[in-house]
Amino acid sequence: MTPVMFDLFVRSFWETVIMTAASGAISLLAGLPLGLALVATGRGGIAENLWINRILAAIVNGFRSVPFIILLVALIPVTRFIVGTSIGMWAAIVPLSIAATPYYARMAEVSLREVDRGLVEAVRAMGGNRWTIVREVLVPEALPSLVAGFTVTLITLIGASAMAGAIGAGGLGDLAIRYGYQRFETAVMIAVVAVLILVVCAIQWAGDRLVARLDHKA
């Protein structure tokens, strides 16, 4: 690998890191409240409202049912409106975030539904309001599972960011397609695959360690 190619490789790596971190943060900030809303408004929830629950569920299911590559193309006008362009690293963050948010919302919903209903009822009996139940029971009790779900979401985003390279989003996916595939530079393709495997393993390891620590504290 030439020095120029190595510099391009390093830049592409950091583009992938930024895309994954930014879209991951957005999916966490938007997906967790959405998951809480799905649980709270569901049957027997702390703010039961089946109409709102069905609307939220339909929106989440709608976005989750669209393959990412199609969503990527369909959101080009939205991406161009938000960031001023439809190509490049910053443009990729928009569809990545929109795709990851409902994905993590469903994972958060599953985690939150596993919380012991007896704890919720105990806080209610002591006069706790909805916010108290969310802050003191739902989120703390589901935290290890929420972290595990977020770890899976980050790993999914890495794969999606590589897919986004197919339409010029930058990052390692773009590098692998333009040089590894189109120019038949096998060394570049092997290097990209190796780095992606290492990054995924590192994220999974860090997530597992954090989950284990949270479980131990619990």
C-alpha atoms as a PDB file:
ATOM      1  CA  MET A   1       0.000   0.000   0.000  1.00  0.00           C
ATOM      2  CA  THR A   2       1.512   3.326  -1.129  1.00  0.00           C
ATOM      3  CA  PRO A   3       1.845   6.308   1.277  1.00  0.00           C
ATOM      4  CA  VAL A   4      -0.918   8.129  -0.603  1.00  0.00           C
ATOM      5  CA  MET A   5      -3.212   5.133  -0.336  1.00  0.00           C
ATOM      6  CA  PHE A   6      -2.363   4.747   3.346  1.00  0.00           C
ATOM      7  CA  ASP A   7      -3.313   8.388   4.017  1.00  0.00           C
ATOM      8  CA  LEU A   8      -6.570   7.836   2.136  1.00  0.00           C
ATOM      9  CA  PHE A   9      -7.179   4.695   4.176  1.00  0.00           C
ATOM     10  CA  VAL A  10      -6.671   6.543   7.471  1.00  0.00           C
ATOM     11  CA  ARG A  11      -8.984   9.358   6.382  1.00  0.00           C
ATOM     12  CA  SER A  12     -11.652   6.864   5.321  1.00  0.00           C
ATOM     13  CA  PHE A  13     -11.335   5.071   8.653  1.00  0.00           C
ATOM     14  CA  TRP A  14     -11.995   8.263  10.604  1.00  0.00           C
ATOM     15  CA  GLU A  15     -14.902   9.116   8.325  1.00  0.00           C
ATOM     16  CA  THR A  16     -16.453   5.762   9.207  1.00  0.00           C
ATOM     17  CA  VAL A  17     -15.833   6.397  12.912  1.00  0.00           C
ATOM     18  CA  ILE A  18     -17.456   9.848  12.739  1.00  0.00           C
ATOM     19  CA  MET A  19     -20.458   8.599  10.760  1.00  0.00           C
ATOM     20  CA  THR A  20     -21.023   5.718  13.175  1.00  0.00           C
ATOM     21  CA  ALA A  21     -20.521   7.827  16.314  1.00  0.00           C
ATOM     22  CA  ALA A  22     -22.732  10.701  15.166  1.00  0.00           C
ATOM     23  CA  SER A  23     -25.596   8.558  13.876  1.00  0.00           C
ATOM     24  CA  GLY A  24     -25.264   6.288  16.923  1.00  0.00           C
ATOM     25  CA  ALA A  25     -25.582   9.238  19.289  1.00  0.00           C
ATOM     26  CA  ILE A  26     -28.632  10.532  17.422  1.00  0.00           C
ATOM     27  CA  SER A  27     -30.256   7.091  17.412  1.00  0.00           C
ATOM     28  CA  LEU A  28     -29.707   6.817  21.161  1.00  0.00           C
ATOM     29  CA  LEU A  29     -31.080  10.279  21.921  1.00  0.00           C
ATOM     30  CA  ALA A  30     -34.132   9.758  19.687  1.00  0.00           C
ATOM     31  CA  GLY A  31     -34.602   6.000  19.888  1.00  0.00           C
ATOM     32  CA  LEU A  32     -34.645   5.637  23.679  1.00  0.00           C
ATOM     33  CA  PRO A  33     -37.463   8.188  24.196  1.00  0.00           C
ATOM     34  CA  LEU A  34     -39.336   6.555  21.315  1.00  0.00           C
ATOM     35  CA  GLY A  35     -38.928   3.144  22.933  1.00  0.00           C
ATOM     36  CA  LEU A  36     -40.113   4.571  26.251  1.00  0.00           C
ATOM     37  CA  ALA A  37     -43.139   6.084  24.508  1.00  0.00           C
ATOM     38  CA  LEU A  38     -44.006   2.735  22.929  1.00  0.00           C
ATOM     39  CA  VAL A  39     -43.871   1.026  26.316  1.00  0.00           C
ATOM     40  CA  ALA A  40     -45.641   3.799  28.232  1.00  0.00           C
ATOM     41  CA  THR A  41     -48.543   4.100  25.778  1.00  0.00           C
ATOM     42  CA  GLY A  42     -48.944   0.354  25.297  1.00  0.00           C
ATOM     43  CA  ARG A  43     -51.592  -1.781  26.962  1.00  0.00           C
ATOM     44  CA  GLY A  44     -51.115  -1.565  30.721  1.00  0.00           C
ATOM     45  CA  GLY A  45     -48.448   1.113  30.373  1.00  0.00           C
ATOM     46  CA  ILE A  46     -47.963   4.070  32.688  1.00  0.00           C
ATOM     47  CA  ALA A  47     -49.565   6.386  30.103  1.00  0.00           C
ATOM     48  CA  GLU A  48     -51.776   3.957  28.225  1.00  0.00           C
ATOM     49  CA  ASN A  49     -53.060   5.357  24.955  1.00  0.00           C
ATOM     50  CA  LEU A  50     -53.546   2.691  22.318  1.00  0.00           C
ATOM     51  CA  TRP A  51     -54.162   5.146  19.472  1.00  0.00           C
ATOM     52  CA  ILE A  52     -50.864   6.909  20.005  1.00  0.00           C
ATOM     53  CA  ASN A  53     -49.158   3.555  20.492  1.00  0.00           C
ATOM     54  CA  ARG A  54     -50.483   2.266  17.174  1.00  0.00           C
ATOM     55  CA  ILE A  55     -49.414   5.409  15.334  1.00  0.00           C
ATOM     56  CA  LEU A  56     -45.892   5.248  16.797  1.00  0.00           C
ATOM     57  CA  ALA A  57     -45.669   1.532  16.072  1.00  0.00           C
ATOM     58  CA  ALA A  58     -46.765   2.076  12.467  1.00  0.00           C
ATOM     59  CA  ILE A  59     -44.105   4.768  11.951  1.00  0.00           C
ATOM     60  CA  VAL A  60     -41.390   2.607  13.481  1.00  0.00           C
ATOM     61  CA  ASN A  61     -42.427  -0.462  11.493  1.00  0.00           C
ATOM     62  CA  GLY A  62     -42.638   1.575   8.305  1.00  0.00           C
ATOM     63  CA  PHE A  63     -39.055   2.814   8.505  1.00  0.00           C
ATOM     64  CA  ARG A  64     -37.745  -0.559   9.677  1.00  0.00           C
ATOM     65  CA  SER A  65     -39.359  -2.384   6.766  1.00  0.00           C
ATOM     66  CA  VAL A  66     -37.522  -0.339   4.105  1.00  0.00           C
ATOM     67  CA  PRO A  67     -34.123  -1.798   3.081  1.00  0.00           C
ATOM     68  CA  PHE A  68     -31.359   0.649   3.956  1.00  0.00           C
ATOM     69  CA  ILE A  69     -30.057   1.084   0.421  1.00  0.00           C
ATOM     70  CA  ILE A  70     -33.574   2.099  -0.737  1.00  0.00           C
ATOM     71  CA  LEU A  71     -34.026   4.410   2.254  1.00  0.00           C
ATOM     72  CA  LEU A  72     -30.650   5.942   1.459  1.00  0.00           C
ATOM     73  CA  VAL A  73     -31.788   6.900  -2.027  1.00  0.00           C
ATOM     74  CA  ALA A  74     -35.331   7.893  -1.010  1.00  0.00           C
ATOM     75  CA  LEU A  75     -34.000  10.337   1.587  1.00  0.00           C
ATOM     76  CA  ILE A  76     -31.692  12.175  -0.810  1.00  0.00           C
ATOM     77  CA  PRO A  77     -34.016  15.248  -1.001  1.00  0.00           C
ATOM     78  CA  VAL A  78     -34.274  15.325   2.808  1.00  0.00           C
ATOM     79  CA  THR A  79     -30.525  14.926   3.162  1.00  0.00           C
ATOM     80  CA  ARG A  80     -29.868  17.701   0.662  1.00  0.00           C
ATOM     81  CA  PHE A  81     -32.300  19.972   2.512  1.00  0.00           C
ATOM     82  CA  ILE A  82     -30.666  19.338   5.911  1.00  0.00           C
ATOM     83  CA  VAL A  83     -26.943  19.395   5.061  1.00  0.00           C
ATOM     84  CA  GLY A  84     -26.929  21.011   1.621  1.00  0.00           C
ATOM     85  CA  THR A  85     -25.563  17.985  -0.228  1.00  0.00           C
ATOM     86  CA  SER A  86     -26.477  14.366  -0.866  1.00  0.00           C
ATOM     87  CA  ILE A  87     -22.938  12.938  -0.957  1.00  0.00           C
ATOM     88  CA  GLY A  88     -20.119  12.765   1.535  1.00  0.00           C
ATOM     89  CA  MET A  89     -19.732  11.851   5.179  1.00  0.00           C
ATOM     90  CA  TRP A  90     -22.104  14.438   6.667  1.00  0.00           C
ATOM     91  CA  ALA A  91     -24.817  13.599   4.168  1.00  0.00           C
ATOM     92  CA  ALA A  92     -24.618   9.916   5.140  1.00  0.00           C
ATOM     93  CA  ILE A  93     -25.305  10.707   8.793  1.00  0.00           C
ATOM     94  CA  VAL A  94     -28.895  11.742   7.994  1.00  0.00           C
ATOM     95  CA  PRO A  95     -30.161   8.433   6.534  1.00  0.00           C
ATOM     96  CA  LEU A  96     -28.017   6.438   8.967  1.00  0.00           C
ATOM     97  CA  SER A  97     -29.661   8.215  11.906  1.00  0.00           C
ATOM     98  CA  ILE A  98     -33.161   7.868  10.470  1.00  0.00           C
ATOM     99  CA  ALA A  99     -32.610   4.148   9.864  1.00  0.00           C
ATOM    100  CA  ALA A 100     -31.015   3.459  13.247  1.00  0.00           C
ATOM    101  CA  THR A 101     -33.505   5.357  15.406  1.00  0.00           C
ATOM    102  CA  PRO A 102     -36.526   3.051  14.904  1.00  0.00           C
ATOM    103  CA  TYR A 103     -34.204   0.041  15.032  1.00  0.00           C
ATOM    104  CA  TYR A 104     -32.900   1.013  18.459  1.00  0.00           C
ATOM    105  CA  ALA A 105     -36.375   2.097  19.577  1.00  0.00           C
ATOM    106  CA  ARG A 106     -37.641  -1.454  19.105  1.00  0.00           C
ATOM    107  CA  MET A 107     -34.650  -2.894  20.932  1.00  0.00           C
ATOM    108  CA  ALA A 108     -35.187  -0.440  23.784  1.00  0.00           C
ATOM    109  CA  GLU A 109     -38.882  -1.336  23.867  1.00  0.00           C
ATOM    110  CA  VAL A 110     -38.071  -5.025  24.294  1.00  0.00           C
ATOM    111  CA  SER A 111     -35.589  -4.230  27.074  1.00  0.00           C
ATOM    112  CA  LEU A 112     -38.010  -1.957  28.921  1.00  0.00           C
ATOM    113  CA  ARG A 113     -40.874  -4.469  28.716  1.00  0.00           C
ATOM    114  CA  GLU A 114     -38.713  -6.977  30.589  1.00  0.00           C
ATOM    115  CA  VAL A 115     -38.667  -4.790  33.712  1.00  0.00           C
ATOM    116  CA  ASP A 116     -40.584  -6.387  36.587  1.00  0.00           C
ATOM    117  CA  ARG A 117     -44.106  -4.937  36.659  1.00  0.00           C
ATOM    118  CA  GLY A 118     -44.107  -5.357  40.426  1.00  0.00           C
ATOM    119  CA  LEU A 119     -41.448  -2.664  40.768  1.00  0.00           C
ATOM    120  CA  VAL A 120     -43.522  -0.267  38.684  1.00  0.00           C
ATOM    121  CA  GLU A 121     -46.615  -0.941  40.771  1.00  0.00           C
ATOM    122  CA  ALA A 122     -44.610  -0.494  43.990  1.00  0.00           C
ATOM    123  CA  VAL A 123     -43.456   2.991  42.922  1.00  0.00           C
ATOM    124  CA  ARG A 124     -47.023   3.832  41.890  1.00  0.00           C
ATOM    125  CA  ALA A 125     -48.294   2.720  45.293  1.00  0.00           C
ATOM    126  CA  MET A 126     -45.784   5.054  46.954  1.00  0.00           C
ATOM    127  CA  GLY A 127     -47.126   7.996  44.968  1.00  0.00           C
ATOM    128  CA  GLY A 128     -44.485   8.089  42.256  1.00  0.00           C
ATOM    129  CA  ASN A 129     -45.472   9.871  39.056  1.00  0.00           C
ATOM    130  CA  ARG A 130     -44.693   8.749  35.499  1.00  0.00           C
ATOM    131  CA  TRP A 131     -41.361  10.532  35.333  1.00  0.00           C
ATOM    132  CA  THR A 132     -40.308   8.974  38.628  1.00  0.00           C
ATOM    133  CA  ILE A 133     -41.169   5.510  37.300  1.00  0.00           C
ATOM    134  CA  VAL A 134     -39.136   6.126  34.144  1.00  0.00           C
ATOM    135  CA  ARG A 135     -36.168   7.627  35.997  1.00  0.00           C
ATOM    136  CA  GLU A 136     -36.060   5.329  39.011  1.00  0.00           C
ATOM    137  CA  VAL A 137     -37.388   2.024  37.679  1.00  0.00           C
ATOM    138  CA  LEU A 138     -37.646   1.505  33.930  1.00  0.00           C
ATOM    139  CA  VAL A 139     -34.316   2.909  32.734  1.00  0.00           C
ATOM    140  CA  PRO A 140     -32.109   1.745  35.662  1.00  0.00           C
ATOM    141  CA  GLU A 141     -33.550  -1.770  35.661  1.00  0.00           C
ATOM    142  CA  ALA A 142     -33.283  -2.136  31.887  1.00  0.00           C
ATOM    143  CA  LEU A 143     -29.886  -0.412  31.588  1.00  0.00           C
ATOM    144  CA  PRO A 144     -27.718  -3.512  30.935  1.00  0.00           C
ATOM    145  CA  SER A 145     -30.092  -4.659  28.214  1.00  0.00           C
ATOM    146  CA  LEU A 146     -30.303  -1.128  26.789  1.00  0.00           C
ATOM    147  CA  VAL A 147     -26.509  -0.982  26.538  1.00  0.00           C
ATOM    148  CA  ALA A 148     -26.420  -4.398  24.870  1.00  0.00           C
ATOM    149  CA  GLY A 149     -29.007  -3.224  22.346  1.00  0.00           C
ATOM    150  CA  PHE A 150     -27.064  -0.041  21.648  1.00  0.00           C
ATOM    151  CA  THR A 151     -23.925  -2.098  21.058  1.00  0.00           C
ATOM    152  CA  VAL A 152     -25.767  -4.119  18.413  1.00  0.00           C
ATOM    153  CA  THR A 153     -27.064  -0.866  16.896  1.00  0.00           C
ATOM    154  CA  LEU A 154     -23.535   0.541  16.578  1.00  0.00           C
ATOM    155  CA  ILE A 155     -22.338  -2.622  14.876  1.00  0.00           C
ATOM    156  CA  THR A 156     -25.295  -2.459  12.486  1.00  0.00           C
ATOM    157  CA  LEU A 157     -24.408   1.172  11.729  1.00  0.00           C
ATOM    158  CA  ILE A 158     -20.872   0.183  10.763  1.00  0.00           C
ATOM    159  CA  GLY A 159     -22.275  -2.191   8.159  1.00  0.00           C
ATOM    160  CA  ALA A 160     -24.768   0.424   6.982  1.00  0.00           C
ATOM    161  CA  SER A 161     -22.050   3.100   6.698  1.00  0.00           C
ATOM    162  CA  ALA A 162     -20.050   0.754   4.497  1.00  0.00           C
ATOM    163  CA  MET A 163     -23.163   0.231   2.348  1.00  0.00           C
ATOM    164  CA  ALA A 164     -23.598   3.996   2.102  1.00  0.00           C
ATOM    165  CA  GLY A 165     -20.214   4.114   0.393  1.00  0.00           C
ATOM    166  CA  ALA A 166     -21.962   2.685  -2.676  1.00  0.00           C
ATOM    167  CA  ILE A 167     -23.402   6.135  -3.412  1.00  0.00           C
ATOM    168  CA  GLY A 168     -20.351   8.190  -2.445  1.00  0.00           C
ATOM    169  CA  ALA A 169     -20.881   8.622   1.272  1.00  0.00           C
ATOM    170  CA  GLY A 170     -17.187   8.290   2.033  1.00  0.00           C
ATOM    171  CA  GLY A 171     -15.632   6.075   4.664  1.00  0.00           C
ATOM    172  CA  LEU A 172     -14.203   2.588   4.346  1.00  0.00           C
ATOM    173  CA  GLY A 173     -17.109   1.348   2.245  1.00  0.00           C
ATOM    174  CA  ASP A 174     -16.469   3.979  -0.396  1.00  0.00           C
ATOM    175  CA  LEU A 175     -12.751   3.176  -0.335  1.00  0.00           C
ATOM    176  CA  ALA A 176     -13.397  -0.556  -0.753  1.00  0.00           C
ATOM    177  CA  ILE A 177     -15.739   0.008  -3.702  1.00  0.00           C
ATOM    178  CA  ARG A 178     -13.668   2.628  -5.557  1.00  0.00           C
ATOM    179  CA  TYR A 179     -10.255   1.057  -5.085  1.00  0.00           C
ATOM    180  CA  GLY A 180     -10.703  -2.500  -3.860  1.00  0.00           C
ATOM    181  CA  TYR A 181     -13.486  -3.436  -6.291  1.00  0.00           C
ATOM    182  CA  GLN A 182     -13.457  -1.067  -9.246  1.00  0.00           C
ATOM    183  CA  ARG A 183      -9.624  -0.884  -9.518  1.00  0.00           C
ATOM    184  CA  PHE A 184      -9.004  -4.475  -8.450  1.00  0.00           C
ATOM    185  CA  GLU A 185      -6.649  -3.523  -5.613  1.00  0.00           C
ATOM    186  CA  THR A 186      -6.966  -6.654  -3.491  1.00  0.00           C
ATOM    187  CA  ALA A 187      -4.734  -5.308  -0.723  1.00  0.00           C
ATOM    188  CA  VAL A 188      -7.126  -2.398  -0.129  1.00  0.00           C
ATOM    189  CA  MET A 189     -10.136  -4.696   0.031  1.00  0.00           C
ATOM    190  CA  ILE A 190      -8.403  -7.039   2.481  1.00  0.00           C
ATOM    191  CA  ALA A 191      -7.279  -4.115   4.649  1.00  0.00           C
ATOM    192  CA  VAL A 192     -10.815  -2.659   4.770  1.00  0.00           C
ATOM    193  CA  VAL A 193     -12.365  -6.009   5.705  1.00  0.00           C
ATOM    194  CA  ALA A 194      -9.710  -6.604   8.391  1.00  0.00           C
ATOM    195  CA  VAL A 195     -10.195  -3.172   9.943  1.00  0.00           C
ATOM    196  CA  LEU A 196     -13.995  -3.494   9.932  1.00  0.00           C
ATOM    197  CA  ILE A 197     -13.725  -6.856  11.685  1.00  0.00           C
ATOM    198  CA  LEU A 198     -11.391  -5.380  14.301  1.00  0.00           C
ATOM    199  CA  VAL A 199     -13.681  -2.383  14.886  1.00  0.00           C
ATOM    200  CA  VAL A 200     -16.751  -4.598  15.279  1.00  0.00           C
ATOM    201  CA  CYS A 201     -14.912  -6.901  17.679  1.00  0.00           C
ATOM    202  CA  ALA A 202     -13.697  -3.909  19.710  1.00  0.00           C
ATOM    203  CA  ILE A 203     -17.188  -2.423  19.990  1.00  0.00           C
ATOM    204  CA  GLN A 204     -18.693  -5.781  20.939  1.00  0.00           C
ATOM    205  CA  TRP A 205     -15.975  -6.367  23.543  1.00  0.00           C
ATOM    206  CA  ALA A 206     -16.445  -2.901  25.070  1.00  0.00           C
ATOM    207  CA  GLY A 207     -20.220  -3.329  25.086  1.00  0.00           C
ATOM    208  CA  ASP A 208     -20.012  -6.757  26.720  1.00  0.00           C
ATOM    209  CA  ARG A 209     -17.655  -5.455  29.396  1.00  0.00           C
ATOM    210  CA  LEU A 210     -19.951  -2.531  30.177  1.00  0.00           C
ATOM    211  CA  VAL A 211     -23.001  -4.801  30.339  1.00  0.00           C
ATOM    212  CA  ALA A 212     -21.164  -7.179  32.676  1.00  0.00           C
ATOM    213  CA  ARG A 213     -20.191  -4.268  34.938  1.00  0.00           C
ATOM    214  CA  LEU A 214     -23.756  -2.940  35.027  1.00  0.00           C
ATOM    215  CA  ASP A 215     -25.100  -6.418  35.785  1.00  0.00           C
ATOM    216  CA  HIS A 216     -22.597  -6.748  38.628  1.00  0.00           C
ATOM    217  CA  LYS A 217     -23.690  -3.402  40.116  1.00  0.00           C
ATOM    218  CA  ALA A 218     -27.320  -4.428  39.836  1.00  0.00           C
END
